Amino acid sequence: MSENISIAIIGGGAWGTALASIAASAGHDVIIWAREDDVITSINKDHVNAIFLPNCPLDRGIKATSNMDDVAHVDVVLMVAPAQFTRATLKLLPASINNIVLCSKGIEAETDDLLADIVAQERPEAKLAVLSGPTFAHEVAMGLPAAVTLASKDAEFGELLVQKLATPKFRPYYSDDVTGAEIGGAVKNVLAVACGVVDGAGLGLNARAGLIARGFAEMTRYGLARGGRAETLAGLSGLGDLVLTCSSENSRNFSLGRGLGQGKSAADMLSNRSSVAEGAFTAPVLQASAKKLGVAMPIVDAVCALLDGRSNVQHVVDALMSRPLKAE
């Protein structure tokens, strides 16, 4: 690849738009593929994504399109479609696309597949990387400092992407542990819902800190069982992302949990959201996967019980606090 490359962002939501801003600031030609006509018009005409990322002006060179043919000849594609739509979106990509970076977080509901597994099945010839870490889209788009994990089993490809995407305010760290990077990003979404519940129910900061620590233990057990490495899970894409999303109402998953903690209905909140709280979709998939692997994830179980209305906050808290005492 030349010094400056062409990058397509597949997905015109807040995170896709922020990544477009990063890629443009790194000097690359950037095009966003989006489904929403109003998003495309806003980006091309007003140079802002007024729908999903208002008040964050975009580089005037960033273009938007709904035509997949317009991205056929780019050097790299950043996939930012929601996890449950990743497979379908991959099928739409032109056959000429050979370099794919996964930037969404989650586990496919129907198959228990990680997103990297889906790419291996649908586009086995493509070079693959995963970008994950503690990043709120609006902060990245505003140029505030952020650090992420960029994982690829192809070291040459991964290290090249680190160089291409790095800016003075956006720092990727290379890892070869694709599974660990994906697990951290998927599990933290569910744990963020749990932390939101603690906040919404007024259970205090002690409870939230304890939940983050015990949630990280669940993440680590599950990640190791699926082949990830402990050091990756303790890094930016695991613990780093967990701390961020469990500590702020800017997290869609945290705000969903906060509503649950206040007694609101999960179905009502999810139907009214313009952006995806991925943890709501990942929770039951993660619960079933953990049971299959024999991994205990009581916090994930509690989130599932709240999401499907089988229990209320007081019952799940009582159940967690009355578990058998044991060594940490």
Protein backbone atom coordinates (compact mmCIF):
# COMPACT_ATOMS: atom_id res chain seq x y z
CA MET A 1 0.00 0.00 0.00
CA SER A 2 1.08 3.56 -0.68
CA GLU A 3 1.55 6.09 2.11
CA ASN A 4 -2.00 7.40 1.71
CA ILE A 5 -4.67 4.76 1.14
CA SER A 6 -8.38 4.64 0.42
CA ILE A 7 -10.67 3.48 3.22
CA ALA A 8 -14.37 2.61 3.16
CA ILE A 9 -16.40 2.71 6.35
CA ILE A 10 -19.32 0.27 6.17
CA GLY A 11 -21.92 1.73 8.50
CA GLY A 12 -22.95 5.36 8.94
CA GLY A 13 -23.66 5.36 12.68
CA ALA A 14 -21.77 7.32 15.32
CA TRP A 15 -18.79 4.97 15.55
CA GLY A 16 -18.44 4.59 11.79
CA THR A 17 -18.50 8.35 11.40
CA ALA A 18 -15.87 8.81 14.13
CA LEU A 19 -13.62 6.25 12.42
CA ALA A 20 -14.06 8.12 9.15
CA SER A 21 -12.88 11.25 10.92
CA ILE A 22 -9.81 9.42 12.25
CA ALA A 23 -8.98 7.98 8.82
CA ALA A 24 -9.32 11.39 7.18
CA SER A 25 -7.13 13.04 9.81
CA ALA A 26 -4.50 10.39 9.08
CA GLY A 27 -4.45 11.63 5.50
CA HIS A 28 -6.46 8.93 3.75
CA ASP A 29 -9.28 9.10 1.20
CA VAL A 30 -12.48 8.12 3.01
CA ILE A 31 -15.94 7.07 1.90
CA ILE A 32 -18.81 6.02 4.19
CA TRP A 33 -21.36 3.48 3.02
CA ALA A 34 -24.68 3.96 4.80
CA ARG A 35 -28.28 2.82 4.37
CA GLU A 36 -29.94 6.02 5.59
CA ASP A 37 -30.56 8.66 2.92
CA ASP A 38 -30.65 11.45 5.50
CA VAL A 39 -27.23 10.43 6.83
CA ILE A 40 -25.76 10.43 3.33
CA THR A 41 -27.26 13.83 2.52
CA SER A 42 -26.09 15.33 5.81
CA ILE A 43 -22.50 14.15 5.32
CA ASN A 44 -22.23 15.13 1.65
CA LYS A 45 -24.04 18.46 1.93
CA ASP A 46 -23.32 19.73 5.43
CA HIS A 47 -20.18 17.71 6.32
CA VAL A 48 -21.66 16.42 9.55
CA ASN A 49 -23.64 13.33 10.52
CA ALA A 50 -26.53 15.24 12.04
CA ILE A 51 -28.48 12.05 12.72
CA PHE A 52 -25.98 9.99 14.71
CA LEU A 53 -23.06 12.32 15.54
CA PRO A 54 -24.25 15.94 15.61
CA ASN A 55 -21.97 18.83 16.56
CA CYS A 56 -18.88 17.00 15.24
CA PRO A 57 -17.84 18.64 11.94
CA LEU A 58 -16.29 16.26 9.42
CA ASP A 59 -13.43 16.68 6.99
CA ARG A 60 -14.89 18.01 3.73
CA GLY A 61 -13.14 15.25 1.83
CA ILE A 62 -15.26 12.52 3.48
CA LYS A 63 -17.97 11.30 1.12
CA ALA A 64 -21.02 9.11 1.76
CA THR A 65 -22.88 6.69 -0.50
CA SER A 66 -25.51 3.95 -0.48
CA ASN A 67 -24.01 2.26 -3.55
CA MET A 68 -21.67 -0.63 -2.74
CA ASP A 69 -20.06 -0.28 -6.18
CA ASP A 70 -18.54 2.98 -4.94
CA VAL A 71 -16.36 1.08 -2.44
CA ALA A 72 -15.25 -1.69 -4.81
CA HIS A 73 -11.71 -0.41 -5.28
CA VAL A 74 -10.73 0.83 -1.83
CA ASP A 75 -7.62 -0.52 -0.10
CA VAL A 76 -9.23 -1.27 3.28
CA VAL A 77 -12.79 -1.70 4.57
CA LEU A 78 -13.69 -0.91 8.18
CA MET A 79 -16.80 -2.94 9.03
CA VAL A 80 -19.01 -1.10 11.52
CA ALA A 81 -22.37 -2.78 10.87
CA PRO A 82 -24.04 -4.03 14.09
CA ALA A 83 -22.91 -7.53 15.03
CA GLN A 84 -26.22 -9.20 14.13
CA PHE A 85 -26.03 -7.73 10.61
CA THR A 86 -22.34 -8.42 9.97
CA ARG A 87 -22.89 -11.60 7.95
CA ALA A 88 -25.57 -10.07 5.73
CA THR A 89 -23.46 -6.95 5.16
CA LEU A 90 -20.38 -9.00 4.26
CA LYS A 91 -22.42 -10.69 1.54
CA LEU A 92 -23.01 -7.26 0.00
CA LEU A 93 -19.31 -6.34 -0.21
CA PRO A 94 -17.81 -6.33 -3.70
CA ALA A 95 -15.67 -9.39 -4.45
CA SER A 96 -12.64 -7.11 -4.93
CA ILE A 97 -12.47 -6.28 -1.18
CA ASN A 98 -9.50 -8.13 0.33
CA ASN A 99 -8.64 -6.20 3.51
CA ILE A 100 -11.25 -6.10 6.28
CA VAL A 101 -11.11 -4.55 9.75
CA LEU A 102 -13.92 -5.49 12.14
CA CYS A 103 -14.93 -2.52 14.29
CA SER A 104 -18.21 -3.83 15.77
CA LYS A 105 -18.58 -5.84 18.96
CA GLY A 106 -20.78 -8.83 19.62
CA ILE A 107 -21.55 -12.51 19.01
CA GLU A 108 -23.88 -13.71 16.26
CA ALA A 109 -27.12 -14.88 17.86
CA GLU A 110 -27.97 -17.73 15.52
CA THR A 111 -24.55 -19.39 15.48
CA ASP A 112 -22.55 -18.32 18.58
CA ASP A 113 -19.88 -17.20 16.09
CA LEU A 114 -17.52 -14.34 16.79
CA LEU A 115 -17.41 -11.78 14.00
CA ALA A 116 -13.97 -12.97 12.89
CA ASP A 117 -15.45 -16.45 12.45
CA ILE A 118 -18.11 -14.97 10.18
CA VAL A 119 -15.49 -13.26 8.01
CA ALA A 120 -13.52 -16.52 7.78
CA GLN A 121 -16.66 -18.26 6.53
CA GLU A 122 -17.94 -15.59 4.16
CA ARG A 123 -14.67 -14.06 2.91
CA PRO A 124 -11.96 -16.68 3.57
CA GLU A 125 -9.52 -15.04 1.16
CA ALA A 126 -9.56 -11.68 2.94
CA LYS A 127 -6.92 -10.37 5.32
CA LEU A 128 -8.59 -9.66 8.65
CA ALA A 129 -8.06 -7.45 11.68
CA VAL A 130 -10.14 -6.45 14.70
CA LEU A 131 -10.15 -2.93 16.14
CA SER A 132 -11.53 -2.70 19.67
CA GLY A 133 -11.04 -0.64 22.79
CA PRO A 134 -12.40 2.07 25.10
CA THR A 135 -13.81 4.59 22.64
CA PHE A 136 -16.85 6.82 22.83
CA ALA A 137 -17.53 7.95 19.27
CA HIS A 138 -18.13 11.63 20.02
CA GLU A 139 -14.81 11.94 21.90
CA VAL A 140 -12.87 10.28 19.07
CA ALA A 141 -14.56 12.50 16.49
CA MET A 142 -13.73 15.61 18.55
CA GLY A 143 -10.04 14.64 18.52
CA LEU A 144 -9.73 13.73 22.19
CA PRO A 145 -7.00 11.15 22.98
CA ALA A 146 -7.88 7.46 22.68
CA ALA A 147 -6.01 4.15 22.56
CA VAL A 148 -7.25 0.86 21.09
CA THR A 149 -6.20 -2.71 20.35
CA LEU A 150 -5.73 -3.65 16.72
CA ALA A 151 -5.53 -7.42 16.48
CA SER A 152 -4.62 -9.57 13.49
CA LYS A 153 -3.10 -13.00 13.08
CA ASP A 154 -1.26 -11.56 10.09
CA ALA A 155 1.47 -9.53 11.79
CA GLU A 156 2.49 -7.67 8.65
CA PHE A 157 -1.09 -6.63 7.94
CA GLY A 158 -1.79 -5.70 11.55
CA GLU A 159 1.33 -3.62 12.01
CA LEU A 160 0.71 -1.87 8.70
CA LEU A 161 -2.79 -0.92 9.83
CA VAL A 162 -1.40 0.41 13.11
CA GLN A 163 0.82 2.75 11.11
CA LYS A 164 -1.97 3.79 8.74
CA LEU A 165 -4.61 4.51 11.39
CA ALA A 166 -2.44 6.13 14.05
CA THR A 167 -2.74 9.87 14.58
CA PRO A 168 -1.35 12.14 17.31
CA LYS A 169 -4.65 11.62 19.19
CA PHE A 170 -5.51 8.00 18.24
CA ARG A 171 -3.07 5.27 19.26
CA PRO A 172 -3.56 1.63 18.17
CA TYR A 173 -1.57 -1.16 19.85
CA TYR A 174 -0.94 -4.30 17.80
CA SER A 175 -1.89 -7.75 19.09
CA ASP A 176 -2.10 -11.14 17.41
CA ASP A 177 -4.91 -12.28 19.73
CA VAL A 178 -8.01 -11.75 17.59
CA THR A 179 -10.21 -13.91 19.81
CA GLY A 180 -9.25 -12.11 23.01
CA ALA A 181 -9.88 -8.71 21.42
CA GLU A 182 -13.31 -9.80 20.22
CA ILE A 183 -14.35 -11.43 23.51
CA GLY A 184 -13.55 -8.32 25.53
CA GLY A 185 -15.62 -6.12 23.25
CA ALA A 186 -18.61 -8.48 23.27
CA VAL A 187 -18.75 -9.32 26.98
CA LYS A 188 -18.24 -5.76 28.24
CA ASN A 189 -21.48 -4.71 26.53
CA VAL A 190 -23.47 -7.11 28.72
CA LEU A 191 -21.60 -6.11 31.87
CA ALA A 192 -22.24 -2.45 31.08
CA VAL A 193 -25.97 -3.18 31.17
CA ALA A 194 -25.47 -4.68 34.64
CA CYS A 195 -23.58 -1.60 35.84
CA GLY A 196 -26.33 0.62 34.50
CA VAL A 197 -28.83 -1.39 36.55
CA VAL A 198 -26.75 -0.75 39.68
CA ASP A 199 -26.76 2.97 38.94
CA GLY A 200 -30.45 3.15 38.07
CA ALA A 201 -31.44 1.24 41.21
CA GLY A 202 -29.33 3.53 43.39
CA LEU A 203 -27.18 0.70 44.75
CA GLY A 204 -24.07 2.88 45.13
CA LEU A 205 -20.51 3.11 43.88
CA ASN A 206 -19.27 0.26 46.07
CA ALA A 207 -21.68 -2.08 44.31
CA ARG A 208 -20.64 -0.82 40.89
CA ALA A 209 -16.93 -1.31 41.63
CA GLY A 210 -17.58 -4.81 42.93
CA LEU A 211 -19.62 -5.64 39.85
CA ILE A 212 -16.89 -4.40 37.50
CA ALA A 213 -14.28 -6.54 39.27
CA ARG A 214 -16.46 -9.67 39.35
CA GLY A 215 -17.61 -8.99 35.81
CA PHE A 216 -14.00 -8.87 34.67
CA ALA A 217 -13.50 -12.28 36.30
CA GLU A 218 -16.43 -13.60 34.23
CA MET A 219 -15.01 -12.03 31.07
CA THR A 220 -11.64 -13.62 31.71
CA ARG A 221 -13.06 -17.09 32.38
CA TYR A 222 -15.12 -16.99 29.22
CA GLY A 223 -12.35 -15.49 27.10
CA LEU A 224 -9.85 -18.15 28.15
CA ALA A 225 -12.41 -20.88 27.47
CA ARG A 226 -12.78 -19.62 23.89
CA GLY A 227 -9.06 -19.38 23.28
CA GLY A 228 -8.27 -15.76 24.13
CA ARG A 229 -5.30 -14.72 26.25
CA ALA A 230 -5.42 -13.25 29.74
CA GLU A 231 -3.13 -10.33 28.86
CA THR A 232 -5.44 -9.27 26.01
CA LEU A 233 -8.49 -9.40 28.28
CA ALA A 234 -6.61 -7.28 30.83
CA GLY A 235 -5.74 -4.75 28.12
CA LEU A 236 -7.50 -2.00 26.20
CA SER A 237 -10.03 -4.21 24.40
CA GLY A 238 -11.03 -5.99 27.62
CA LEU A 239 -10.60 -4.26 30.96
CA GLY A 240 -10.11 -0.84 29.38
CA ASP A 241 -13.36 -1.00 27.45
CA LEU A 242 -15.15 -2.52 30.45
CA VAL A 243 -14.19 0.35 32.74
CA LEU A 244 -15.30 2.96 30.20
CA THR A 245 -18.69 1.50 29.35
CA CYS A 246 -19.49 0.65 32.97
CA SER A 247 -18.85 4.20 34.13
CA SER A 248 -20.75 6.58 31.88
CA GLU A 249 -24.27 7.31 30.64
CA ASN A 250 -22.69 7.94 27.24
CA SER A 251 -22.65 4.15 26.91
CA ARG A 252 -25.82 2.91 25.19
CA ASN A 253 -25.59 -0.33 27.16
CA PHE A 254 -25.14 1.48 30.49
CA SER A 255 -28.13 3.74 29.79
CA LEU A 256 -30.26 0.72 28.89
CA GLY A 257 -29.32 -0.90 32.22
CA ARG A 258 -30.00 2.34 34.06
CA GLY A 259 -33.54 2.30 32.72
CA LEU A 260 -33.94 -1.32 33.82
CA GLY A 261 -32.71 -0.34 37.28
CA GLN A 262 -35.39 2.36 37.39
CA GLY A 263 -38.10 -0.19 36.60
CA LYS A 264 -38.56 0.52 32.89
CA SER A 265 -39.36 -2.22 30.39
CA ALA A 266 -36.51 -3.54 28.23
CA ALA A 267 -38.87 -4.01 25.29
CA ASP A 268 -40.09 -0.42 25.49
CA MET A 269 -36.60 1.05 25.73
CA LEU A 270 -35.17 -1.04 22.89
CA SER A 271 -38.05 -0.18 20.58
CA ASN A 272 -37.47 3.54 21.08
CA ARG A 273 -33.70 3.57 20.56
CA SER A 274 -32.23 5.00 17.35
CA SER A 275 -28.89 3.29 18.02
CA VAL A 276 -28.15 -0.29 18.99
CA ALA A 277 -27.49 -1.39 22.58
CA GLU A 278 -25.60 -4.49 21.49
CA GLY A 279 -25.48 -5.94 25.01
CA ALA A 280 -29.22 -6.68 24.87
CA PHE A 281 -28.68 -8.96 21.87
CA THR A 282 -25.41 -10.44 23.09
CA ALA A 283 -26.60 -11.35 26.61
CA PRO A 284 -28.71 -14.45 25.82
CA VAL A 285 -26.17 -15.65 23.24
CA LEU A 286 -23.36 -15.25 25.75
CA GLN A 287 -25.36 -17.02 28.44
CA ALA A 288 -26.02 -20.03 26.21
CA SER A 289 -22.41 -20.12 25.01
CA ALA A 290 -21.05 -19.98 28.57
CA LYS A 291 -23.30 -22.84 29.65
CA LYS A 292 -22.11 -24.90 26.70
CA LEU A 293 -18.51 -24.28 27.76
CA GLY A 294 -19.21 -24.89 31.46
CA VAL A 295 -18.24 -21.31 32.37
CA ALA A 296 -20.04 -19.68 35.32
CA MET A 297 -21.29 -16.15 34.47
CA PRO A 298 -23.82 -15.22 37.17
CA ILE A 299 -23.84 -11.52 36.30
CA VAL A 300 -24.64 -12.33 32.68
CA ASP A 301 -27.42 -14.66 33.91
CA ALA A 302 -28.83 -11.81 35.99
CA VAL A 303 -28.85 -9.43 33.02
CA CYS A 304 -30.70 -12.00 30.92
CA ALA A 305 -33.32 -12.44 33.64
CA LEU A 306 -33.92 -8.68 33.72
CA LEU A 307 -34.00 -8.26 29.95
CA ASP A 308 -36.62 -10.95 29.39
CA GLY A 309 -38.69 -9.92 32.41
CA ARG A 310 -38.23 -13.15 34.38
CA SER A 311 -37.00 -11.28 37.44
CA ASN A 312 -36.72 -7.83 38.97
CA VAL A 313 -33.75 -5.88 40.28
CA GLN A 314 -34.24 -6.77 43.95
CA HIS A 315 -34.47 -10.49 43.19
CA VAL A 316 -31.33 -10.59 41.03
CA VAL A 317 -29.34 -8.55 43.55
CA ASP A 318 -30.45 -10.84 46.37
CA ALA A 319 -29.50 -13.88 44.28
CA LEU A 320 -26.03 -12.52 43.50
CA MET A 321 -25.34 -11.48 47.10
CA SER A 322 -26.50 -14.82 48.51
CA ARG A 323 -24.28 -16.98 46.32
CA PRO A 324 -22.05 -19.39 48.30
CA LEU A 325 -19.07 -17.69 49.93
CA LYS A 326 -15.74 -18.70 48.40
CA ALA A 327 -12.18 -17.59 47.83
CA GLU A 328 -11.69 -14.84 45.25
